[in-house]
Structure formats: structure tokens, C-alpha cells
Amino acid sequence: MRKKLIAGIGLALVAGLALSGCSARGTSDSGSSSGASIKKGDLIGVALPAKTSQNWVLAGAAFKKSIEDAGFKADIQYANAGNPVPDQQSQISTMITKGAKAVIIGAADGSQLGSQVKAAKQQGATVIAWDRNILNTKNVDYYVAFNNYKVGQLQANALLDGLKAKKGSGPYNVELFAGSPDDANATVFFNGAMSVLEPKIKDGTLKVVSGQTTFAKVNTQGWLAQKAQSRMTDLLSQYYTGDTKLDGVLSPNDTLARAILTATKAAGKDTPVITGQDSETASIPLIMNGTQYSTIYKNTTEEAQAAIDLVSDLAAGKTPKTVQDKNNDNGVKVVPTVELTPILVTKENAVEAYKGNDTLEQLAKQG
């Protein structure tokens, strides 16, 4: 879920840990045999989900520039928010019919694109999953994304650091939130976070007062802010009455973090330590004034450029450099991945982290 903000996007848009032993990783120069023949001037299709968060809004412009600068033609489509899965399926099919030699897909639902990517492969196109993996199919050549397991680990460690810094010695009362079950990344974020938090729950450092600790219990369908706000309101009314305090919340992204904070404020509770992701413009002031503890910076422009660099390598007859990471197993195979490094951002390092991004750097400097 995450990201380089392009100057001109209005501020009103709202809504280094290593991998643990849980992840088997290796570097590969062999990549995936796509069987496609790509040359400059060919059509590159980019199918993106609905514009449900700021990072997706930014992705389209980032791709357009990268594709055109690389000498290819671009066909960039967003799924309709009211009917995203069938809309995206149709868009991908149309790209294939139009002769796209590579199809880059930010999946609306990675489990429902098997027929479309199979058709793409049959027509000789290279299929690249972008930001979110495409599940349960062999017909994915590459995956370009930030290291999403590490994102979860960074969020969990930030939560622990924030609790220690702002809430005393503990133990701490916390609640857990995760992303949407139709987003393949959501479980990876959550699993990464729980690799850090679960031992702390077991040893009593953390107490999840509601007892809701599984992805099935804590996910947020559609990454919708109103669902997170409603769930937080319910949790507070059921489990945080009287003197019971909420010390911290694991939130998987900035949009949900702001919704959760809205709920805690409405309930008259103290501000909990809360994590986020995506470096949304609406959250940077909250981080700088101490309301939101952390976010994750995942540069959208960098991520889009990495996908087009991969296509350019293929066009030049080069073999893309990828990693084999079992967290990128789509249910049929571990998809060869161009894996980028996320950055944890707090008030202390925000100005430095956002150097080169005029919009975010200025917000951080404003405090």
C-alpha cells in the first residue's frame, strides 16, 4: 500500500530491519522466462485498482512519465471503485486485444485475474504484478514491489518504540488492525508485524484487550476508513470502559490510522501510539505534531520506474535481476521479484527521509 508525491497533487488529498528467518530469500539473475518479444515503441498496459488511496492516485502519472521516457506507448487504466474486479478484468482483456507486449497489474483482487493473465501469456505478453502479487497462477513473470514483510516488521518495531517513549514502562494495552483480505499484501504486512509482536504478546509486554489477534478478526475490507473507524468505536465501547486505557494501535496504513484516531478522539480517549504507511500528505502534519507516531515511505515513482526498467531490460535482451523470497509465493510459485526497500518515518527523521520529495519535505519542515 504505498510513496513519491508529485508536485501539483493538492494537499487536500486525504482519503533498517533485515528480514527475519521466516523469509527465505536469494538473488537470481535468471529471472522468469516470459517468452515475450518487447521493443521500443510497443504498447505497455498498466491496470491499476480504484483510486482508494493517495498512492494509487499518484501511480498513474508516475507510470505515464516512466513509460513515455523509456520510449514505449502507454495504456493506463484505473478500475471503477463501484465495480473494481470485473472492470479491471475487462481492462486487462482490452489491453491484450490492443496488442500490449507487457501488462503491469496493480491488482484490485489478485485472486481473480487467473483467466486474464493466462490470456496475456497466450498472446505472448509479459505479465508483471505491481505492488500487489497476483495469486494462484503460474502466469506471472515478475513481481515489482517494496519488501512488504519488512514493512510489517518496521511498523511493529515502531509501535514498540513509540509505546516505550510515550507510554512509560508497560505492560501496554493495544489493538491490531490489518488491511483488506482481497489485497495479497495485507497478510504479508500483518505476518511481518506479528513476527515482532507475537513474542511480546506471549511474554505479557503487550495485552490485546479485545483478544482479537488473527488476520480474520482484524482485517479491514476494502481498506475503507469508515470500516476501521467503526471497528475502533466498537472496540472502545466494549473493552475500554472505565479506567481501561488504550496505549497503542497497529494500523497498516495512514488512511486507517487517521480513521482510528478519529474514533479515539470521539470517545474521549487519550491519543494512542499509532503506526501507518504510505506517507500520505494528510498524515505528515500529524506525525510532526506527535498525533500519529510513524508511517512508511514507499516511493511510488521509484516503484513505477522499477517496473519500466524491468521492461526496458527485456527489450534490450537483458535478464532482470530478481530475488526469490518465499513471502512472494502466490500459491503456485515464488514469483521472481524486483524488491525495493521501505523506509520507516517518524518525527525525528522525516525531513531527511523525504529529501528529494518537495511536497513531503516541505510538510515535514513545517512541523
Protein backbone atom coordinates (compact mmCIF):
# COMPACT_ATOMS: atom_id res chain seq x y z
CA MET A 1 0.00 0.00 0.00
CA ARG A 2 2.37 2.95 -0.72
CA LYS A 3 5.20 6.98 -1.92
CA LYS A 4 6.65 9.71 -4.03
CA LEU A 5 4.25 12.59 -4.21
CA ILE A 6 4.12 14.59 -7.39
CA ALA A 7 4.16 18.37 -7.07
CA GLY A 8 0.77 19.66 -8.01
CA ILE A 9 -1.18 16.98 -6.17
CA GLY A 10 -3.24 19.00 -3.73
CA LEU A 11 -2.62 18.74 -0.04
CA ALA A 12 -6.32 18.16 0.37
CA LEU A 13 -5.96 14.59 -0.89
CA VAL A 14 -6.89 12.55 2.15
CA ALA A 15 -8.56 9.52 1.99
CA GLY A 16 16.50 -0.87 8.87
CA LEU A 17 15.43 -4.19 9.92
CA ALA A 18 16.53 -7.26 7.97
CA LEU A 19 14.06 -9.96 7.12
CA SER A 20 13.79 -12.50 9.87
CA GLY A 21 14.39 -16.19 9.48
CA CYS A 22 10.75 -16.52 8.45
CA SER A 23 11.73 -15.38 4.97
CA ALA A 24 13.91 -17.39 2.66
CA ARG A 25 15.50 -15.04 0.17
CA GLY A 26 18.02 -15.39 -2.60
CA THR A 27 19.23 -13.37 -5.53
CA SER A 28 18.70 -14.62 -9.04
CA ASP A 29 19.90 -13.38 -12.40
CA SER A 30 17.78 -15.91 -14.25
CA GLY A 31 14.50 -14.09 -13.69
CA SER A 32 11.46 -15.59 -15.38
CA SER A 33 11.20 -16.76 -18.95
CA SER A 34 8.37 -14.59 -20.20
CA GLY A 35 8.59 -15.68 -23.81
CA ALA A 36 7.70 -12.16 -24.91
CA SER A 37 9.45 -10.05 -27.52
CA ILE A 38 9.36 -6.40 -26.49
CA LYS A 39 10.81 -3.49 -28.46
CA LYS A 40 10.80 0.27 -28.15
CA GLY A 41 7.54 1.77 -29.34
CA ASP A 42 5.47 -1.20 -28.17
CA LEU A 43 2.34 -0.75 -26.10
CA ILE A 44 2.67 -1.26 -22.35
CA GLY A 45 -0.58 -1.74 -20.47
CA VAL A 46 -0.93 -0.67 -16.83
CA ALA A 47 -4.04 -1.82 -14.97
CA LEU A 48 -4.47 -0.17 -11.58
CA PRO A 49 -7.17 -0.59 -8.91
CA ALA A 50 -9.59 2.15 -7.92
CA LYS A 51 -8.22 5.43 -6.56
CA THR A 52 -8.93 4.50 -2.95
CA SER A 53 -5.73 5.97 -1.51
CA GLN A 54 -3.27 8.68 -2.39
CA ASN A 55 -0.56 6.30 -3.56
CA TRP A 56 -2.85 4.88 -6.24
CA VAL A 57 -3.76 8.37 -7.41
CA LEU A 58 -0.06 9.12 -7.87
CA ALA A 59 0.75 5.87 -9.64
CA GLY A 60 -0.92 6.69 -12.95
CA ALA A 61 1.11 9.85 -13.59
CA ALA A 62 4.31 8.14 -12.44
CA PHE A 63 3.78 5.29 -14.91
CA LYS A 64 2.90 7.60 -17.79
CA LYS A 65 6.14 9.53 -17.42
CA SER A 66 8.30 6.42 -16.97
CA ILE A 67 6.78 4.60 -19.95
CA GLU A 68 6.99 7.55 -22.33
CA ASP A 69 10.51 8.47 -21.22
CA ALA A 70 11.58 4.87 -21.93
CA GLY A 71 10.25 5.06 -25.48
CA PHE A 72 7.14 2.90 -25.13
CA LYS A 73 3.45 3.69 -25.60
CA ALA A 74 1.23 3.74 -22.51
CA ASP A 75 -2.28 2.48 -21.87
CA ILE A 76 -3.05 3.23 -18.22
CA GLN A 77 -6.42 2.33 -16.74
CA TYR A 78 -7.98 2.58 -13.29
CA ALA A 79 -10.72 0.24 -12.12
CA ASN A 80 -14.05 1.78 -11.22
CA ALA A 81 -14.47 1.97 -7.44
CA GLY A 82 -18.05 0.69 -7.64
CA ASN A 83 -17.19 -2.47 -9.55
CA PRO A 84 -13.40 -2.83 -9.44
CA VAL A 85 -12.80 -6.52 -10.12
CA PRO A 86 -14.88 -7.03 -13.30
CA ASP A 87 -13.86 -3.60 -14.51
CA GLN A 88 -10.18 -4.44 -14.17
CA GLN A 89 -10.68 -7.84 -15.76
CA SER A 90 -12.24 -6.13 -18.77
CA GLN A 91 -9.48 -3.52 -18.96
CA ILE A 92 -6.75 -6.18 -18.99
CA SER A 93 -8.56 -8.13 -21.71
CA THR A 94 -8.79 -4.97 -23.81
CA MET A 95 -5.07 -4.28 -23.37
CA ILE A 96 -4.31 -7.78 -24.64
CA THR A 97 -6.60 -7.28 -27.63
CA LYS A 98 -4.84 -3.99 -28.42
CA GLY A 99 -1.52 -5.84 -28.57
CA ALA A 100 0.18 -4.84 -25.32
CA LYS A 101 3.56 -6.56 -25.11
CA ALA A 102 3.73 -6.16 -21.35
CA VAL A 103 0.88 -5.85 -18.89
CA ILE A 104 1.65 -4.36 -15.48
CA ILE A 105 -1.09 -5.06 -12.96
CA GLY A 106 -1.78 -3.46 -9.59
CA ALA A 107 -4.50 -5.93 -8.75
CA ALA A 108 -7.89 -4.91 -7.43
CA ASP A 109 -8.16 -8.52 -6.25
CA GLY A 110 -5.14 -10.66 -7.02
CA SER A 111 -7.10 -13.89 -6.68
CA GLN A 112 -9.48 -13.12 -9.55
CA LEU A 113 -7.20 -12.47 -12.51
CA GLY A 114 -6.20 -16.00 -13.49
CA SER A 115 -8.08 -16.04 -16.80
CA GLN A 116 -6.81 -12.62 -17.83
CA VAL A 117 -3.12 -13.31 -17.16
CA LYS A 118 -3.41 -16.70 -18.87
CA ALA A 119 -4.79 -14.96 -21.96
CA ALA A 120 -1.97 -12.43 -21.81
CA LYS A 121 0.62 -15.18 -21.76
CA GLN A 122 -1.07 -16.97 -24.65
CA GLN A 123 -0.70 -13.78 -26.67
CA GLY A 124 2.99 -13.57 -25.83
CA ALA A 125 2.82 -10.70 -23.37
CA THR A 126 4.98 -10.36 -20.26
CA VAL A 127 2.88 -10.20 -17.09
CA ILE A 128 4.20 -8.11 -14.21
CA ALA A 129 2.43 -7.93 -10.85
CA TRP A 130 2.98 -4.49 -9.38
CA ASP A 131 2.74 -3.54 -5.70
CA ARG A 132 0.35 -6.45 -5.07
CA ASN A 133 1.01 -10.04 -6.08
CA ILE A 134 -1.30 -11.97 -8.42
CA LEU A 135 -2.36 -15.20 -6.77
CA ASN A 136 -2.86 -18.86 -7.64
CA THR A 137 -1.45 -18.81 -11.15
CA LYS A 138 1.78 -19.72 -12.91
CA ASN A 139 1.16 -17.00 -15.50
CA VAL A 140 3.01 -14.20 -13.71
CA ASP A 141 6.52 -13.49 -14.92
CA TYR A 142 7.67 -10.90 -12.41
CA TYR A 143 6.59 -9.02 -9.31
CA VAL A 144 7.76 -5.46 -8.55
CA ALA A 145 7.13 -4.28 -5.01
CA PHE A 146 8.57 -3.00 -1.80
CA ASN A 147 9.56 -5.63 0.74
CA ASN A 148 6.15 -5.95 2.36
CA TYR A 149 7.14 -8.37 5.12
CA LYS A 150 9.74 -5.84 6.21
CA VAL A 151 7.05 -3.13 6.16
CA GLY A 152 5.15 -5.07 8.81
CA GLN A 153 8.29 -5.55 10.88
CA LEU A 154 9.09 -1.85 10.70
CA GLN A 155 5.55 -0.97 11.79
CA ALA A 156 5.66 -3.38 14.73
CA ASN A 157 9.02 -2.15 15.97
CA ALA A 158 7.82 1.45 15.62
CA LEU A 159 4.80 0.59 17.76
CA LEU A 160 7.04 -0.88 20.45
CA ASP A 161 9.44 2.08 20.32
CA GLY A 162 6.58 4.56 20.49
CA LEU A 163 4.98 2.82 23.45
CA LYS A 164 8.26 2.85 25.36
CA ALA A 165 8.85 6.51 24.55
CA LYS A 166 5.34 7.83 25.18
CA LYS A 167 3.52 5.43 27.49
CA GLY A 168 6.00 4.51 30.19
CA SER A 169 7.27 1.08 31.12
CA GLY A 170 4.22 -1.06 30.32
CA PRO A 171 2.63 -3.52 30.06
CA TYR A 172 0.64 -1.90 27.26
CA ASN A 173 -2.93 -2.30 26.07
CA VAL A 174 -3.04 -2.46 22.27
CA GLU A 175 -5.33 -3.33 19.38
CA LEU A 176 -4.44 -4.68 15.95
CA PHE A 177 -5.75 -3.66 12.54
CA ALA A 178 -4.90 -5.18 9.16
CA GLY A 179 -5.67 -4.40 5.54
CA SER A 180 -8.17 -5.88 3.13
CA PRO A 181 -8.36 -9.65 2.59
CA ASP A 182 -8.60 -9.15 -1.18
CA ASP A 183 -5.18 -7.45 -1.16
CA ALA A 184 -2.37 -10.03 -1.22
CA ASN A 185 -0.10 -7.60 0.62
CA ALA A 186 -2.36 -7.27 3.63
CA THR A 187 -1.49 -10.67 5.07
CA VAL A 188 2.20 -10.15 4.36
CA PHE A 189 2.18 -6.82 6.25
CA PHE A 190 0.34 -8.47 9.14
CA ASN A 191 2.57 -11.54 9.25
CA GLY A 192 5.66 -9.34 9.29
CA ALA A 193 4.24 -7.30 12.15
CA MET A 194 3.20 -10.35 14.14
CA SER A 195 6.68 -11.88 13.83
CA VAL A 196 7.71 -9.00 16.11
CA LEU A 197 4.58 -8.52 18.22
CA GLU A 198 3.57 -12.10 18.97
CA PRO A 199 6.50 -12.76 21.33
CA LYS A 200 5.64 -9.54 23.17
CA ILE A 201 2.02 -10.64 23.50
CA LYS A 202 3.12 -14.01 24.84
CA ASP A 203 5.51 -12.55 27.41
CA GLY A 204 2.94 -10.03 28.66
CA THR A 205 4.59 -6.85 27.40
CA LEU A 206 1.55 -6.30 25.20
CA LYS A 207 -2.06 -7.09 26.03
CA VAL A 208 -4.61 -7.17 23.21
CA VAL A 209 -7.59 -6.37 25.41
CA SER A 210 -10.18 -7.47 22.83
CA GLY A 211 -8.40 -10.78 22.28
CA GLN A 212 -8.59 -10.20 18.51
CA THR A 213 -5.19 -11.23 17.17
CA THR A 214 -5.83 -13.14 13.93
CA PHE A 215 -6.00 -11.66 10.46
CA ALA A 216 -9.54 -12.98 10.10
CA LYS A 217 -10.58 -10.89 13.10
CA VAL A 218 -8.65 -7.69 12.43
CA ASN A 219 -8.80 -7.19 8.65
CA THR A 220 -10.45 -4.13 7.10
CA GLN A 221 -12.42 -4.95 3.96
CA GLY A 222 -11.56 -2.66 1.06
CA TRP A 223 -9.09 -0.68 3.19
CA LEU A 224 -12.08 1.55 3.94
CA ALA A 225 -11.59 4.24 6.56
CA GLN A 226 -15.19 4.08 7.73
CA LYS A 227 -14.85 0.36 8.50
CA ALA A 228 -11.73 0.94 10.60
CA GLN A 229 -13.37 3.84 12.43
CA SER A 230 -16.48 1.79 13.13
CA ARG A 231 -14.48 -1.17 14.42
CA MET A 232 -12.37 1.06 16.67
CA THR A 233 -15.52 2.69 18.05
CA ASP A 234 -16.95 -0.74 18.82
CA LEU A 235 -13.74 -1.93 20.48
CA LEU A 236 -13.62 1.14 22.70
CA SER A 237 -17.24 0.78 23.80
CA GLN A 238 -16.87 -2.93 24.56
CA TYR A 239 -13.38 -3.22 26.06
CA TYR A 240 -12.15 0.22 27.12
CA THR A 241 -14.71 1.44 29.61
CA GLY A 242 -13.86 2.93 32.97
CA ASP A 243 -10.16 3.24 33.66
CA THR A 244 -9.02 0.83 30.92
CA LYS A 245 -6.65 2.73 28.66
CA LEU A 246 -5.74 2.10 25.04
CA ASP A 247 -1.99 2.63 24.71
CA GLY A 248 -1.31 1.71 21.10
CA VAL A 249 -2.71 0.55 17.78
CA LEU A 250 -1.06 -1.32 14.92
CA SER A 251 -2.52 0.36 11.84
CA PRO A 252 -1.41 -0.91 8.40
CA ASN A 253 -1.69 2.43 6.59
CA ASP A 254 -2.19 6.16 7.07
CA THR A 255 -5.81 6.31 5.92
CA LEU A 256 -6.86 3.77 8.54
CA ALA A 257 -4.66 5.39 11.18
CA ARG A 258 -6.47 8.71 10.78
CA ALA A 259 -9.84 6.96 10.96
CA ILE A 260 -8.82 5.14 14.13
CA LEU A 261 -7.64 8.41 15.67
CA THR A 262 -10.99 9.98 14.81
CA ALA A 263 -12.71 7.20 16.75
CA THR A 264 -10.47 7.51 19.82
CA LYS A 265 -10.91 11.28 19.90
CA ALA A 266 -14.69 10.98 19.61
CA ALA A 267 -14.68 8.54 22.53
CA GLY A 268 -12.72 10.99 24.67
CA LYS A 269 -9.68 8.71 24.92
CA ASP A 270 -6.05 9.75 25.08
CA THR A 271 -4.22 9.58 21.77
CA PRO A 272 -2.72 6.11 21.33
CA VAL A 273 0.63 5.41 19.74
CA ILE A 274 -0.34 4.50 16.18
CA THR A 275 1.52 3.34 13.09
CA GLY A 276 0.80 3.91 9.42
CA GLN A 277 2.06 3.50 5.86
CA ASP A 278 2.18 5.42 2.57
CA SER A 279 3.39 8.84 3.78
CA GLU A 280 0.11 10.48 2.83
CA THR A 281 0.10 14.27 2.88
CA ALA A 282 -2.71 14.34 5.43
CA SER A 283 -0.66 12.29 7.89
CA ILE A 284 2.67 14.13 7.73
CA PRO A 285 1.44 17.08 9.88
CA LEU A 286 0.04 14.55 12.37
CA ILE A 287 3.40 12.85 12.61
CA MET A 288 5.21 16.14 13.07
CA ASN A 289 2.86 17.25 15.87
CA GLY A 290 3.01 13.85 17.60
CA THR A 291 -0.54 12.68 16.89
CA GLN A 292 0.47 9.81 14.59
CA TYR A 293 3.69 8.13 15.63
CA SER A 294 5.01 6.72 12.35
CA THR A 295 4.45 5.98 8.70
CA ILE A 296 6.30 4.10 5.95
CA TYR A 297 7.73 5.82 2.88
CA LYS A 298 7.36 3.77 -0.28
CA ASN A 299 8.28 5.97 -3.21
CA THR A 300 5.62 5.46 -5.89
CA THR A 301 7.74 6.98 -8.63
CA GLU A 302 10.63 4.67 -7.73
CA GLU A 303 8.32 1.66 -7.77
CA ALA A 304 6.82 2.58 -11.16
CA GLN A 305 10.28 3.25 -12.58
CA ALA A 306 11.49 -0.16 -11.37
CA ALA A 307 8.73 -1.86 -13.38
CA ILE A 308 9.59 0.07 -16.53
CA ASP A 309 13.31 -0.53 -16.04
CA LEU A 310 12.46 -4.23 -15.99
CA VAL A 311 10.55 -3.89 -19.27
CA SER A 312 13.45 -1.92 -20.77
CA ASP A 313 15.87 -4.66 -19.75
CA LEU A 314 13.72 -7.24 -21.50
CA ALA A 315 13.53 -5.06 -24.60
CA ALA A 316 17.32 -4.81 -24.59
CA GLY A 317 17.72 -8.58 -24.27
CA LYS A 318 18.99 -8.31 -20.70
CA THR A 319 18.00 -10.61 -17.85
CA PRO A 320 16.36 -8.69 -14.99
CA LYS A 321 17.92 -9.13 -11.57
CA THR A 322 15.36 -10.53 -9.15
CA VAL A 323 15.15 -12.13 -5.72
CA GLN A 324 13.44 -15.31 -4.62
CA ASP A 325 11.53 -14.52 -1.43
CA LYS A 326 9.07 -17.05 -0.06
CA ASN A 327 6.84 -14.21 1.12
CA ASN A 328 6.17 -13.62 -2.58
CA ASP A 329 4.77 -17.11 -3.10
CA ASN A 330 1.49 -16.65 -4.97
CA GLY A 331 0.17 -20.11 -4.14
CA VAL A 332 1.60 -21.73 -7.26
CA LYS A 333 5.13 -20.39 -7.39
CA VAL A 334 7.50 -17.92 -5.78
CA VAL A 335 7.33 -15.08 -8.26
CA PRO A 336 10.73 -13.61 -9.23
CA THR A 337 10.71 -10.18 -7.62
CA VAL A 338 12.32 -6.79 -8.01
CA GLU A 339 12.17 -5.89 -4.34
CA LEU A 340 12.55 -2.31 -3.09
CA THR A 341 13.38 -1.14 0.44
CA PRO A 342 10.76 0.69 2.54
CA ILE A 343 11.73 3.47 4.96
CA LEU A 344 10.31 3.95 8.44
CA VAL A 345 9.46 7.60 9.09
CA THR A 346 8.92 9.28 12.46
CA LYS A 347 9.08 12.90 13.53
CA GLU A 348 12.80 12.51 14.20
CA ASN A 349 13.86 11.50 10.67
CA ALA A 350 11.06 12.86 8.46
CA VAL A 351 12.94 15.80 6.93
CA GLU A 352 15.87 13.58 6.00
CA ALA A 353 13.68 10.70 4.77
CA TYR A 354 11.72 12.95 2.42
CA LYS A 355 14.68 14.74 0.84
CA GLY A 356 14.11 14.89 -2.89
CA ASN A 357 10.33 14.90 -2.48
CA ASP A 358 9.49 18.59 -2.42
CA THR A 359 5.93 18.18 -1.16
CA LEU A 360 6.68 15.83 1.73
CA GLU A 361 9.92 17.52 2.69
CA GLN A 362 8.15 20.86 2.94
CA LEU A 363 5.38 19.38 5.08
CA ALA A 364 7.97 17.84 7.40
CA LYS A 365 9.83 21.14 7.71
CA GLN A 366 6.62 22.98 8.53
CA GLY A 367 6.23 20.72 11.55
